[in-house]
Amino acid sequence: MPTLISGISGVRGIINDGFDPDVVTRYTIAFGRMVGGGKIVIAQDTRPSGKMFKDVVESVLQSIGCDVIDCDVCPTPTAQLMVEKLDANGGIIVTASHNPIEWNALKFVGKGGLFLDAEQHAELMRFLETPVEKLEKWDVVGDLTRQHDAIRQHIEDVLALKLVDAELVKRRRPKVVVDAINGAGSKALPGFLTALGCEVIRMNCDHDGNFVHTPEPTPANLTDLMARVREEKADLGLATDPDADRLAVIDENGEPLVEEYTLVLAAYHALRHAEKADGKVLVTNLSTTMALDDLAARYGRKVLRTPVGEIHVARQMQKQPTLIGGEGNGGVILPECHLGRDSLVGAGLILTLLAETGQSMREIADELPRYQMVKDKISIGTADAKKILADLAEEYKSETPNLEDGVKITWSDRWVHFRASNTEPIIRVFAEAKDEATASQLVQDFKAIIEKLL
């Protein structure tokens, strides 16, 4: 059966098996009407189906009177930044992010460069269900502008950040191996690192959409990058997903720091430079490592947590002065740049930290709080996930669980988090502790409890 998944992260599916030009047309019309027309930024990642679907988006937007600004192939954060810089009413990015190459998707960006929140998504769905009476006449169709310098503008903005010191990095001239999985970051990340003063070794940066390994930048998928870092005797390795909003770090020994620590490293740099009396907080989601809390506590800072999802973190960051935010999947959000996960920002902060300390990547990591996380899932078939989670919450109410996004139970040195999947009949079980054995035991114990509830 064809699969189409729609939510705050956009609409996605397998190409021509759920996700097709008709779906793209209907969602594009709904979005253009929802934002009231005007200027709309569009972009794509490198996957082969991208141009086909972007062309549909482009022509449909023009047909309903929108003025289209085409940024062509560029990272998702670049497109988000351009929505903000050009004061556009919104943006549509054709990218399935870390999904396999047979998938594609539309990510919808609202005015100001943020993804749609739950309320805005509900509004989009109302427009989707409302019939379109007619398209615009020939003489009022929208204009088309090609924005050829979007990546250059993005690079310049990141280089101008106070927490990014190109002169300092140039003096150290670190050797960096970059694996962009031939995605949208293939030009942007190496170009930024070169401008920052690094010696850059490109790996899978052909910009052709050939995903040579599983796209998600997790340690299991980055073994070739690890080997290349050792072979080149590089200072570190950096990897992105296909739309380049997430960043993974490999140390000088070719060992992964796991994506949870991208945000921790970036936050460490920001905390070292923060003014003590500014009162700014850190913001992340409920499933991100508690190493961030321990690190923030060293500097007298608080960490605020949100449901999982970039937009939840970004909205919370809008509510109070925030030093830095992001998610434990390799996403770094620095409000001085824009409120979106950005691999260029993450790389700039981490490379400046490396140059500033004079230490190696591993030496820096060893000074940070350390935890081990285990991620698992359990199939629930036709069972009601909401009821299972409610039963868990009742069973452990003495532990005062957090119920903002599933059920999270936290102790002083460990936690376990249960969330119902939006796409599969499963419950995700994440646990973290000081050592992997304890985290694994937490997962197994609670999986057994869920099986009894089933």
Protein backbone atom coordinates (compact mmCIF):
# COMPACT_ATOMS: atom_id res chain seq x y z
CA MET A 1 0.00 0.00 0.00
CA PRO A 2 1.41 3.45 -0.92
CA THR A 3 2.68 5.38 2.07
CA LEU A 4 2.42 9.12 2.61
CA ILE A 5 3.53 10.65 5.89
CA SER A 6 2.37 14.15 6.78
CA GLY A 7 3.26 16.12 9.90
CA ILE A 8 5.14 19.12 11.23
CA SER A 9 8.26 17.89 9.39
CA GLY A 10 6.41 18.13 6.06
CA VAL A 11 5.01 15.52 3.72
CA ARG A 12 7.12 12.61 2.52
CA GLY A 13 6.92 9.20 0.93
CA ILE A 14 8.43 6.77 -1.54
CA ILE A 15 8.64 8.29 -5.03
CA ASN A 16 5.60 7.39 -7.16
CA ASP A 17 4.40 5.05 -4.45
CA GLY A 18 2.64 7.60 -2.29
CA PHE A 19 4.72 10.69 -3.07
CA ASP A 20 4.12 11.87 -6.63
CA PRO A 21 3.58 15.04 -8.70
CA ASP A 22 -0.12 15.09 -7.85
CA VAL A 23 0.64 15.09 -4.10
CA VAL A 24 3.26 17.80 -4.61
CA THR A 25 0.77 19.90 -6.58
CA ARG A 26 -1.97 19.66 -3.96
CA TYR A 27 0.31 20.45 -1.01
CA THR A 28 2.02 23.29 -2.88
CA ILE A 29 -1.30 24.95 -3.71
CA ALA A 30 -2.42 24.56 -0.09
CA PHE A 31 0.81 26.08 1.23
CA GLY A 32 0.81 28.99 -1.23
CA ARG A 33 -2.77 29.84 -0.31
CA MET A 34 -2.09 29.43 3.42
CA VAL A 35 0.78 31.95 3.45
CA GLY A 36 -1.20 34.41 1.32
CA GLY A 37 0.96 34.28 -1.78
CA GLY A 38 3.79 36.76 -2.18
CA LYS A 39 7.45 35.74 -2.24
CA ILE A 40 8.18 32.02 -1.70
CA VAL A 41 11.70 30.55 -1.54
CA ILE A 42 12.21 27.10 -3.04
CA ALA A 43 15.22 24.75 -2.90
CA GLN A 44 16.16 21.08 -3.18
CA ASP A 45 18.78 18.57 -2.12
CA THR A 46 20.76 16.54 -4.69
CA ARG A 47 18.68 13.39 -4.95
CA PRO A 48 17.86 12.59 -8.62
CA SER A 49 14.12 13.14 -8.24
CA GLY A 50 14.65 16.59 -6.71
CA LYS A 51 14.58 18.72 -9.85
CA MET A 52 11.44 17.00 -11.14
CA PHE A 53 9.53 17.80 -7.97
CA LYS A 54 11.04 21.27 -7.59
CA ASP A 55 9.91 22.12 -11.12
CA VAL A 56 6.37 21.11 -10.11
CA VAL A 57 6.56 23.30 -7.00
CA GLU A 58 7.90 26.21 -9.04
CA SER A 59 5.22 26.12 -11.74
CA VAL A 60 2.37 25.51 -9.32
CA LEU A 61 3.37 28.43 -7.10
CA GLN A 62 3.54 30.72 -10.14
CA SER A 63 0.14 29.47 -11.31
CA ILE A 64 -1.48 30.68 -8.08
CA GLY A 65 0.23 34.07 -8.27
CA CYS A 66 3.25 33.52 -5.98
CA ASP A 67 6.63 35.10 -6.80
CA VAL A 68 9.18 32.29 -6.69
CA ILE A 69 12.80 32.70 -5.56
CA ASP A 70 14.68 29.55 -6.61
CA CYS A 71 17.82 28.79 -4.57
CA ASP A 72 18.40 25.57 -6.57
CA VAL A 73 20.43 22.90 -4.71
CA CYS A 74 21.41 24.11 -1.26
CA PRO A 75 21.32 22.98 2.38
CA THR A 76 18.04 23.21 4.24
CA PRO A 77 19.49 25.81 6.66
CA THR A 78 20.56 27.93 3.68
CA ALA A 79 17.00 27.96 2.39
CA GLN A 80 15.64 28.76 5.85
CA LEU A 81 18.09 31.64 6.16
CA MET A 82 17.09 33.00 2.73
CA VAL A 83 13.40 33.00 3.71
CA GLU A 84 14.35 35.24 6.61
CA LYS A 85 16.87 37.44 4.76
CA LEU A 86 14.56 38.03 1.78
CA ASP A 87 11.51 38.59 4.00
CA ALA A 88 9.62 35.91 2.06
CA ASN A 89 6.24 34.65 3.20
CA GLY A 90 7.55 31.10 3.30
CA GLY A 91 9.60 28.40 1.65
CA ILE A 92 9.33 24.90 0.25
CA ILE A 93 12.39 22.63 0.31
CA VAL A 94 12.32 19.42 -1.75
CA THR A 95 14.25 17.04 0.48
CA ALA A 96 13.66 13.79 2.31
CA SER A 97 16.53 14.61 4.65
CA HIS A 98 18.11 11.39 5.99
CA ASN A 99 15.60 9.07 4.27
CA PRO A 100 16.90 6.66 1.59
CA ILE A 101 17.24 7.81 -2.01
CA GLU A 102 13.90 6.27 -3.11
CA TRP A 103 12.13 8.78 -0.85
CA ASN A 104 11.44 12.45 -1.34
CA ALA A 105 9.52 15.10 0.55
CA LEU A 106 8.43 18.70 0.91
CA LYS A 107 9.58 20.64 3.97
CA PHE A 108 7.50 23.75 4.59
CA VAL A 109 9.09 26.88 6.04
CA GLY A 110 7.01 29.69 7.48
CA LYS A 111 7.70 33.42 7.49
CA GLY A 112 10.84 34.10 9.52
CA GLY A 113 12.56 30.90 8.39
CA LEU A 114 11.07 28.42 10.89
CA PHE A 115 9.33 25.17 10.03
CA LEU A 116 5.60 24.94 10.56
CA ASP A 117 4.41 24.19 14.09
CA ALA A 118 1.42 21.98 14.93
CA GLU A 119 -1.08 24.84 14.63
CA GLN A 120 0.29 25.95 11.27
CA HIS A 121 0.33 22.36 10.01
CA ALA A 122 -3.33 21.99 10.99
CA GLU A 123 -4.05 25.16 9.01
CA LEU A 124 -2.18 23.72 6.01
CA MET A 125 -4.33 20.59 6.19
CA ARG A 126 -7.50 22.73 6.21
CA PHE A 127 -6.35 24.43 3.01
CA LEU A 128 -5.46 21.02 1.55
CA GLU A 129 -9.05 19.86 2.08
CA THR A 130 -10.58 23.03 0.57
CA PRO A 131 -11.23 22.77 -3.17
CA VAL A 132 -9.42 25.24 -5.42
CA GLU A 133 -11.99 27.20 -7.43
CA LYS A 134 -9.59 28.54 -10.06
CA LEU A 135 -5.96 29.39 -10.76
CA GLU A 136 -4.73 32.86 -11.70
CA LYS A 137 -5.16 34.35 -15.18
CA TRP A 138 -2.23 34.44 -17.55
CA ASP A 139 -1.36 38.05 -16.82
CA VAL A 140 -1.12 37.70 -13.02
CA VAL A 141 0.97 34.53 -12.69
CA GLY A 142 3.94 34.87 -10.37
CA ASP A 143 7.47 35.90 -11.26
CA LEU A 144 10.54 33.66 -11.06
CA THR A 145 13.94 34.78 -9.73
CA ARG A 146 17.07 32.60 -9.60
CA GLN A 147 19.04 33.18 -6.37
CA HIS A 148 22.51 31.99 -7.38
CA ASP A 149 24.43 33.22 -4.33
CA ALA A 150 22.40 31.71 -1.47
CA ILE A 151 25.24 29.44 -0.30
CA ARG A 152 27.75 32.30 -0.48
CA GLN A 153 25.49 34.49 1.65
CA HIS A 154 25.08 31.67 4.16
CA ILE A 155 28.85 31.15 4.42
CA GLU A 156 29.45 34.88 4.89
CA ASP A 157 26.83 35.08 7.64
CA VAL A 158 28.38 32.20 9.59
CA LEU A 159 31.90 33.61 9.20
CA ALA A 160 30.65 36.90 10.65
CA LEU A 161 29.40 35.30 13.89
CA LYS A 162 31.15 36.44 17.07
CA LEU A 163 31.72 32.84 18.13
CA VAL A 164 33.44 31.94 14.84
CA ASP A 165 37.07 33.13 14.59
CA ALA A 166 38.47 32.54 11.12
CA GLU A 167 41.81 34.19 11.89
CA LEU A 168 42.40 31.89 14.84
CA VAL A 169 41.44 28.81 12.81
CA LYS A 170 43.70 29.87 9.94
CA ARG A 171 46.68 30.02 12.30
CA ARG A 172 46.15 26.41 13.34
CA ARG A 173 44.98 25.29 9.86
CA PRO A 174 43.33 22.03 10.94
CA LYS A 175 43.04 19.19 8.45
CA VAL A 176 39.40 18.17 8.06
CA VAL A 177 37.91 15.27 6.10
CA VAL A 178 34.34 16.04 4.96
CA ASP A 179 31.76 13.41 3.99
CA ALA A 180 28.71 15.19 2.55
CA ILE A 181 27.22 11.95 1.11
CA ASN A 182 27.10 13.79 -2.25
CA GLY A 183 24.20 15.78 -0.84
CA ALA A 184 23.25 19.44 -0.54
CA GLY A 185 26.24 20.14 1.71
CA SER A 186 28.78 18.99 -0.91
CA LYS A 187 29.69 22.55 -1.88
CA ALA A 188 28.53 24.48 1.16
CA LEU A 189 30.41 22.70 3.95
CA PRO A 190 33.80 22.32 2.18
CA GLY A 191 33.45 25.89 0.90
CA PHE A 192 32.79 27.20 4.38
CA LEU A 193 35.67 25.22 5.93
CA THR A 194 38.07 26.48 3.25
CA ALA A 195 37.01 30.06 3.93
CA LEU A 196 37.45 29.38 7.64
CA GLY A 197 41.09 28.44 7.05
CA CYS A 198 41.00 24.65 7.17
CA GLU A 199 42.82 22.19 4.94
CA VAL A 200 39.83 20.33 3.49
CA ILE A 201 39.83 16.78 2.17
CA ARG A 202 36.60 16.13 0.27
CA MET A 203 34.94 12.73 0.48
CA ASN A 204 31.59 12.07 -1.21
CA CYS A 205 31.30 15.74 -2.15
CA ASP A 206 30.42 15.27 -5.84
CA HIS A 207 27.03 16.98 -5.46
CA ASP A 208 25.39 14.29 -7.60
CA GLY A 209 22.93 12.65 -5.20
CA ASN A 210 24.76 9.32 -5.20
CA PHE A 211 24.25 8.25 -1.58
CA VAL A 212 27.20 5.90 -1.24
CA HIS A 213 26.15 4.78 2.23
CA THR A 214 23.01 4.91 4.36
CA PRO A 215 22.28 8.65 4.56
CA GLU A 216 21.82 9.15 8.30
CA PRO A 217 25.15 10.39 9.81
CA THR A 218 25.40 7.83 12.61
CA PRO A 219 28.60 5.94 13.51
CA ALA A 220 27.45 2.72 11.82
CA ASN A 221 27.21 4.58 8.50
CA LEU A 222 30.50 6.49 8.73
CA THR A 223 33.10 3.71 8.81
CA ASP A 224 34.72 4.90 5.56
CA LEU A 225 35.06 8.41 6.97
CA MET A 226 36.63 7.05 10.14
CA ALA A 227 39.19 5.12 8.10
CA ARG A 228 39.92 8.15 5.91
CA VAL A 229 40.57 10.37 8.95
CA ARG A 230 43.17 7.85 10.19
CA GLU A 231 44.69 7.47 6.73
CA GLU A 232 45.05 11.23 6.23
CA LYS A 233 46.18 11.82 9.84
CA ALA A 234 43.48 14.50 9.95
CA ASP A 235 42.49 16.56 12.97
CA LEU A 236 38.87 15.52 12.63
CA GLY A 237 36.17 14.33 10.27
CA LEU A 238 32.78 15.93 9.67
CA ALA A 239 29.72 14.34 8.10
CA THR A 240 26.30 15.67 7.14
CA ASP A 241 23.00 14.18 6.07
CA PRO A 242 21.65 14.85 2.52
CA ASP A 243 20.14 18.25 3.34
CA ALA A 244 23.04 19.29 5.60
CA ASP A 245 21.19 20.42 8.70
CA ARG A 246 22.81 17.74 10.89
CA LEU A 247 26.52 17.32 11.66
CA ALA A 248 28.51 14.38 13.01
CA VAL A 249 32.08 14.59 14.34
CA ILE A 250 34.93 12.05 14.11
CA ASP A 251 38.00 12.60 16.29
CA GLU A 252 41.65 12.47 15.19
CA ASN A 253 41.83 8.75 15.97
CA GLY A 254 38.98 7.98 13.60
CA GLU A 255 36.60 7.40 16.51
CA PRO A 256 33.08 8.84 16.42
CA LEU A 257 31.97 11.29 19.08
CA VAL A 258 28.38 10.21 18.24
CA GLU A 259 25.91 12.80 17.05
CA GLU A 260 24.70 13.57 20.57
CA TYR A 261 28.01 15.33 21.23
CA THR A 262 27.87 17.73 18.28
CA LEU A 263 25.55 19.96 20.29
CA VAL A 264 27.54 19.42 23.50
CA LEU A 265 30.78 20.53 21.80
CA ALA A 266 29.12 23.57 20.26
CA ALA A 267 27.49 24.46 23.58
CA TYR A 268 30.85 24.12 25.36
CA HIS A 269 32.32 26.75 23.06
CA ALA A 270 29.33 29.06 23.55
CA LEU A 271 29.41 28.64 27.35
CA ARG A 272 33.12 29.48 27.49
CA HIS A 273 32.38 32.84 25.86
CA ALA A 274 29.06 33.72 27.51
CA GLU A 275 28.68 36.72 29.78
CA LYS A 276 27.95 35.39 33.25
CA ALA A 277 25.08 37.74 34.02
CA ASP A 278 23.19 37.53 30.72
CA GLY A 279 20.68 34.99 32.07
CA LYS A 280 20.52 33.05 28.81
CA VAL A 281 19.36 29.42 28.82
CA LEU A 282 20.14 26.40 26.64
CA VAL A 283 17.28 24.64 24.83
CA THR A 284 17.07 21.08 23.56
CA ASN A 285 14.58 18.22 23.28
CA LEU A 286 13.66 15.54 25.79
CA SER A 287 15.75 12.82 24.12
CA THR A 288 19.07 14.71 24.03
CA THR A 289 21.92 13.61 26.29
CA MET A 290 21.96 14.84 29.91
CA ALA A 291 25.64 15.65 29.36
CA LEU A 292 24.30 19.01 28.18
CA ASP A 293 22.66 19.60 31.58
CA ASP A 294 25.85 18.69 33.44
CA LEU A 295 27.90 20.98 31.22
CA ALA A 296 25.45 23.86 31.61
CA ALA A 297 25.50 23.41 35.40
CA ARG A 298 29.29 23.98 35.40
CA TYR A 299 28.57 27.47 34.11
CA GLY A 300 25.51 28.13 36.24
CA ARG A 301 23.10 27.75 33.33
CA LYS A 302 19.73 26.05 32.91
CA VAL A 303 18.64 23.69 30.14
CA LEU A 304 15.03 23.85 28.98
CA ARG A 305 13.63 20.79 27.23
CA THR A 306 10.90 20.46 24.62
CA PRO A 307 9.15 17.67 22.71
CA VAL A 308 11.27 16.11 19.96
CA GLY A 309 11.33 18.16 16.75
CA GLU A 310 13.29 21.20 15.56
CA ILE A 311 10.27 23.51 15.55
CA HIS A 312 9.56 22.80 19.24
CA VAL A 313 13.13 23.78 20.14
CA ALA A 314 13.01 26.88 17.92
CA ARG A 315 9.68 28.08 19.35
CA GLN A 316 11.02 27.69 22.89
CA MET A 317 14.13 29.66 21.91
CA GLN A 318 11.87 32.49 20.77
CA LYS A 319 10.29 32.75 24.20
CA GLN A 320 13.34 33.78 26.23
CA PRO A 321 16.98 34.82 25.74
CA THR A 322 18.82 31.68 24.60
CA LEU A 323 22.56 31.07 24.37
CA ILE A 324 22.36 28.04 22.10
CA GLY A 325 19.93 25.26 21.25
CA GLY A 326 19.55 22.19 19.12
CA GLU A 327 18.90 18.48 19.15
CA GLY A 328 20.96 15.41 19.95
CA ASN A 329 20.79 14.23 16.34
CA GLY A 330 23.64 16.54 15.34
CA GLY A 331 21.56 19.69 15.05
CA VAL A 332 23.00 22.99 16.33
CA ILE A 333 20.88 26.17 16.49
CA LEU A 334 22.58 29.49 17.22
CA PRO A 335 20.04 32.36 17.50
CA GLU A 336 22.56 34.97 16.32
CA CYS A 337 22.48 33.26 12.91
CA HIS A 338 18.95 31.87 12.56
CA LEU A 339 16.57 29.53 14.38
CA GLY A 340 17.30 26.37 12.41
CA ARG A 341 19.65 23.41 12.74
CA ASP A 342 22.76 24.31 10.76
CA SER A 343 25.79 22.14 10.00
CA LEU A 344 27.88 25.17 8.99
CA VAL A 345 27.21 26.86 12.32
CA GLY A 346 28.05 23.65 14.20
CA ALA A 347 31.29 23.24 12.25
CA GLY A 348 32.28 26.88 12.79
CA LEU A 349 31.82 26.68 16.55
CA ILE A 350 33.64 23.35 16.89
CA LEU A 351 36.60 24.37 14.67
CA THR A 352 36.98 27.63 16.60
CA LEU A 353 36.91 25.68 19.86
CA LEU A 354 39.61 23.35 18.51
CA ALA A 355 41.83 26.27 17.49
CA GLU A 356 41.21 28.21 20.69
CA THR A 357 42.09 25.40 23.10
CA GLY A 358 45.06 24.04 21.17
CA GLN A 359 43.84 20.57 22.16
CA SER A 360 42.91 17.64 19.98
CA MET A 361 39.27 16.73 19.39
CA ARG A 362 39.56 13.73 21.70
CA GLU A 363 41.22 15.76 24.46
CA ILE A 364 38.35 18.24 24.34
CA ALA A 365 35.74 15.47 24.35
CA ASP A 366 37.39 13.78 27.34
CA GLU A 367 36.87 16.95 29.39
CA LEU A 368 33.11 16.89 28.79
CA PRO A 369 30.50 15.01 30.84
CA ARG A 370 30.03 11.54 29.43
CA TYR A 371 27.02 9.27 29.20
CA GLN A 372 26.07 6.26 27.10
CA MET A 373 22.76 6.15 25.23
CA VAL A 374 20.93 3.06 23.95
CA LYS A 375 18.09 3.34 21.44
CA ASP A 376 15.61 0.56 20.76
CA LYS A 377 11.98 -0.01 19.76
CA ILE A 378 9.20 -2.48 20.37
CA SER A 379 6.47 -3.50 17.93
CA ILE A 380 2.96 -3.08 19.31
CA GLY A 381 0.91 -4.39 16.38
CA THR A 382 -2.67 -3.11 16.60
CA ALA A 383 -2.40 -2.11 20.26
CA ASP A 384 -3.18 1.47 21.28
CA ALA A 385 0.15 3.25 21.83
CA LYS A 386 -1.51 6.10 23.74
CA LYS A 387 -3.05 3.65 26.21
CA ILE A 388 0.24 1.85 26.73
CA LEU A 389 2.03 5.13 27.43
CA ALA A 390 -0.79 6.22 29.75
CA ASP A 391 -0.50 2.94 31.66
CA LEU A 392 3.27 3.44 31.97
CA ALA A 393 2.75 6.97 33.25
CA GLU A 394 0.29 5.71 35.87
CA GLU A 395 2.56 2.84 36.91
CA TYR A 396 5.48 5.22 37.53
CA LYS A 397 3.62 8.33 38.69
CA SER A 398 5.65 8.28 41.93
CA GLU A 399 8.70 9.11 39.76
CA THR A 400 6.91 12.25 38.43
CA PRO A 401 7.40 11.39 34.75
CA ASN A 402 7.53 14.07 32.06
CA LEU A 403 4.50 13.60 29.77
CA GLU A 404 5.13 16.36 27.22
CA ASP A 405 6.22 13.91 24.52
CA GLY A 406 5.43 10.30 25.44
CA VAL A 407 6.73 9.33 28.86
CA LYS A 408 10.18 10.21 30.22
CA ILE A 409 11.34 9.01 33.64
CA THR A 410 14.46 10.69 34.98
CA TRP A 411 16.73 9.82 37.90
CA SER A 412 19.84 11.67 39.02
CA ASP A 413 22.21 9.72 36.77
CA ARG A 414 20.01 8.08 34.13
CA TRP A 415 16.71 8.32 32.26
CA VAL A 416 14.42 6.35 29.98
CA HIS A 417 12.10 7.85 27.35
CA PHE A 418 9.19 6.22 25.51
CA ARG A 419 7.61 7.75 22.42
CA ALA A 420 5.04 6.42 19.98
CA SER A 421 6.28 6.47 16.40
CA ASN A 422 4.41 8.71 13.97
CA THR A 423 5.15 6.37 11.07
CA GLU A 424 5.17 2.80 12.39
CA PRO A 425 3.23 0.66 14.91
CA ILE A 426 6.10 0.83 17.39
CA ILE A 427 7.11 2.52 20.61
CA ARG A 428 10.64 3.92 20.69
CA VAL A 429 12.60 3.29 23.87
CA PHE A 430 15.65 5.47 24.57
CA ALA A 431 17.75 5.21 27.72
CA GLU A 432 20.89 6.94 28.96
CA ALA A 433 23.23 6.24 31.86
CA LYS A 434 26.87 6.59 32.85
CA ASP A 435 27.69 3.24 31.27
CA GLU A 436 26.24 1.27 28.38
CA ALA A 437 25.40 -1.78 30.49
CA THR A 438 23.09 0.25 32.76
CA ALA A 439 21.43 1.96 29.79
CA SER A 440 20.93 -1.39 28.04
CA GLN A 441 19.46 -2.90 31.19
CA LEU A 442 17.00 0.00 31.47
CA VAL A 443 15.85 -0.60 27.91
CA GLN A 444 15.44 -4.34 28.43
CA ASP A 445 13.60 -3.94 31.72
CA PHE A 446 11.12 -1.47 30.32
CA LYS A 447 10.64 -3.42 27.09
CA ALA A 448 9.59 -6.35 29.27
CA ILE A 449 7.11 -4.09 31.10
CA ILE A 450 5.62 -2.90 27.80
CA GLU A 451 5.31 -6.49 26.58
CA LYS A 452 3.30 -7.31 29.70
CA LEU A 453 1.02 -4.35 29.01
CA LEU A 454 0.49 -5.72 25.50
